[in-house]
């Protein structure tokens, strides 16, 4: 099989597998790179990386402004946010920042979903994938100027 990779505009790539071409945007390219790294370097090192990445995402959210967090809540996958909420269930500040930027209906939905999922914790591979997608989303929002970090008046 012939495989080739070409740089595409705005940080993306075009992957070619024989006659099949796949275009990835910058966020998808970053996700692919992390997933390839995880597949090629399995084991405890990945679990540590997953936890550290989730902690970094949590720190970004805690430092983020309300508007940025609200934008993140709109673009992030529901399951990725559930994973982060479960991971950070002991972090009152993280929970306050996330839940404080949700509608009452959204808070109820997430609370109900959390009551039935991840009773035994979040598997490290799932945590890593969710944290990566959230990190990419935050980074993209930062690049757009829609997610600013810094001291919060009520933080």
Protein backbone atom coordinates (compact mmCIF):
# COMPACT_ATOMS: atom_id res chain seq x y z
CA UNK A 1 0.00 0.00 0.00
CA UNK A 2 1.33 3.41 -0.92
CA UNK A 3 0.81 6.02 1.80
CA UNK A 4 1.55 9.71 1.40
CA UNK A 5 0.93 12.83 3.46
CA UNK A 6 0.80 16.39 2.15
CA UNK A 7 0.40 19.57 4.12
CA UNK A 8 -2.91 21.30 3.48
CA UNK A 9 -3.93 24.90 4.14
CA UNK A 10 -4.55 26.10 7.71
CA UNK A 11 -2.55 23.36 9.45
CA UNK A 12 -4.38 20.38 8.02
CA UNK A 13 -3.09 17.47 5.97
CA UNK A 14 -4.21 15.31 3.09
CA UNK A 15 -3.58 11.59 3.59
CA UNK A 16 -3.48 9.30 0.58
CA UNK A 17 -3.81 5.53 0.86
CA UNK A 18 -3.32 4.20 -2.66
CA UNK A 19 -6.21 5.86 -4.55
CA UNK A 20 -8.12 6.99 -1.47
CA UNK A 21 -7.53 10.53 -0.18
CA UNK A 22 -8.65 11.89 3.16
CA UNK A 23 -8.45 15.58 4.07
CA UNK A 24 -8.07 16.44 7.75
CA UNK A 25 -8.37 19.90 9.27
CA UNK A 26 -5.89 21.05 11.93
CA UNK A 27 -7.93 19.72 14.86
CA UNK A 28 -8.42 16.33 13.22
CA UNK A 29 -4.71 16.17 12.40
CA UNK A 30 -3.79 16.82 16.04
CA UNK A 31 -6.25 14.16 17.20
CA UNK A 32 -4.85 11.64 14.69
CA UNK A 33 -1.31 12.34 15.86
CA UNK A 34 -2.22 11.78 19.51
CA UNK A 35 -4.17 8.61 18.72
CA UNK A 36 -1.25 7.23 16.67
CA UNK A 37 1.11 7.99 19.53
CA UNK A 38 -1.17 6.21 21.98
CA UNK A 39 -1.42 3.17 19.71
CA UNK A 40 2.33 2.96 19.25
CA UNK A 41 3.28 3.66 22.88
CA UNK A 42 0.71 1.75 24.94
CA UNK A 43 0.87 1.20 28.65
CA UNK A 44 1.18 3.18 31.86
CA UNK A 45 2.93 6.13 30.22
CA UNK A 46 -0.21 6.79 28.20
CA UNK A 47 -2.38 6.62 31.30
CA UNK A 48 -0.22 9.23 33.01
CA UNK A 49 -0.39 11.38 29.90
CA UNK A 50 -4.17 11.03 29.77
CA UNK A 51 -4.55 12.13 33.39
CA UNK A 52 -2.11 15.01 32.97
CA UNK A 53 -3.86 16.16 29.81
CA UNK A 54 -7.23 16.01 31.58
CA UNK A 55 -5.75 18.04 34.45
CA UNK A 56 -4.46 20.65 31.97
CA UNK A 57 -7.87 20.88 30.31
CA UNK A 58 -9.49 21.27 33.73
CA UNK A 59 -7.01 24.04 34.60
CA UNK A 60 -7.77 25.85 31.33
CA UNK A 61 -11.49 25.67 32.01
CA UNK A 62 -11.06 26.91 35.58
CA UNK A 63 -9.05 29.86 34.22
CA UNK A 64 -11.38 30.49 31.29
CA UNK A 65 -13.89 33.26 30.98
CA UNK A 66 -17.60 32.53 31.07
CA UNK A 67 -18.08 33.28 27.37
CA UNK A 68 -15.25 30.93 26.41
CA UNK A 69 -16.61 28.16 28.61
CA UNK A 70 -20.08 28.63 27.13
CA UNK A 71 -18.60 28.37 23.62
CA UNK A 72 -16.73 25.22 24.65
CA UNK A 73 -19.94 23.70 25.99
CA UNK A 74 -21.57 24.30 22.61
CA UNK A 75 -18.77 22.79 20.49
CA UNK A 76 -17.63 19.93 22.74
CA UNK A 77 -19.10 16.45 22.52
CA UNK A 78 -21.54 15.57 25.30
CA UNK A 79 -19.64 12.38 26.16
CA UNK A 80 -16.30 14.23 26.33
CA UNK A 81 -17.77 16.67 28.84
CA UNK A 82 -19.24 13.77 30.82
CA UNK A 83 -15.80 12.16 31.01
CA UNK A 84 -14.25 15.42 32.22
CA UNK A 85 -17.01 15.94 34.78
CA UNK A 86 -16.48 12.41 36.12
CA UNK A 87 -12.71 12.87 36.15
CA UNK A 88 -13.05 16.16 38.02
CA UNK A 89 -15.91 15.18 40.32
CA UNK A 90 -13.80 16.06 43.38
CA UNK A 91 -12.82 19.47 41.98
CA UNK A 92 -15.50 21.87 43.20
CA UNK A 93 -14.06 24.80 41.24
CA UNK A 94 -14.06 22.89 37.94
CA UNK A 95 -17.62 21.70 38.49
CA UNK A 96 -18.74 25.22 39.41
CA UNK A 97 -17.14 26.68 36.26
CA UNK A 98 -18.76 24.08 33.99
CA UNK A 99 -22.16 23.79 35.65
CA UNK A 100 -22.29 27.54 36.26
CA UNK A 101 -22.19 28.12 32.51
CA UNK A 102 -24.93 25.62 31.68
CA UNK A 103 -28.66 26.06 31.60
CA UNK A 104 -30.67 24.33 34.31
CA UNK A 105 -31.90 21.81 31.75
CA UNK A 106 -28.33 20.98 30.65
CA UNK A 107 -27.21 20.59 34.27
CA UNK A 108 -30.05 18.11 34.87
CA UNK A 109 -29.17 16.13 31.74
CA UNK A 110 -25.48 15.90 32.68
CA UNK A 111 -26.28 15.00 36.30
CA UNK A 112 -28.65 12.23 35.17
CA UNK A 113 -26.14 10.89 32.65
CA UNK A 114 -23.37 10.89 35.27
CA UNK A 115 -25.59 8.97 37.69
CA UNK A 116 -25.77 6.07 35.22
CA UNK A 117 -22.36 6.14 33.54
CA UNK A 118 -18.82 5.63 34.74
CA UNK A 119 -19.83 4.10 38.06
CA UNK A 120 -16.41 2.42 38.21
CA UNK A 121 -14.50 5.50 37.02
CA UNK A 122 -13.37 6.48 33.56
CA UNK A 123 -11.09 4.11 31.63
CA UNK A 124 -7.74 5.80 30.94
CA UNK A 125 -7.97 5.39 27.17
CA UNK A 126 -11.40 7.02 27.13
CA UNK A 127 -10.14 9.81 29.40
CA UNK A 128 -7.20 10.42 27.08
CA UNK A 129 -9.31 10.61 23.94
CA UNK A 130 -11.89 12.89 25.56
CA UNK A 131 -9.22 15.15 27.10
CA UNK A 132 -7.45 15.39 23.76
CA UNK A 133 -10.61 16.40 21.90
CA UNK A 134 -11.41 18.97 24.61
CA UNK A 135 -7.84 20.33 24.52
CA UNK A 136 -8.07 20.71 20.75
CA UNK A 137 -11.44 22.45 21.10
CA UNK A 138 -10.07 24.87 23.72
CA UNK A 139 -6.99 25.56 21.57
CA UNK A 140 -9.17 26.23 18.53
CA UNK A 141 -11.37 28.59 20.55
CA UNK A 142 -8.27 30.36 21.87
CA UNK A 143 -7.00 30.83 18.31
CA UNK A 144 -10.37 32.34 17.36
CA UNK A 145 -10.14 34.66 20.36
CA UNK A 146 -13.26 33.07 21.85
CA UNK A 147 -11.59 31.44 24.87
CA UNK A 148 -9.49 33.68 27.07
CA UNK A 149 -7.81 32.56 30.25
CA UNK A 150 -6.85 34.70 33.18
CA UNK A 151 -8.15 35.85 36.54
CA UNK A 152 -11.91 35.69 36.83
CA UNK A 153 -13.83 38.22 38.92
CA UNK A 154 -15.94 35.51 40.64
CA UNK A 155 -13.52 32.59 39.98
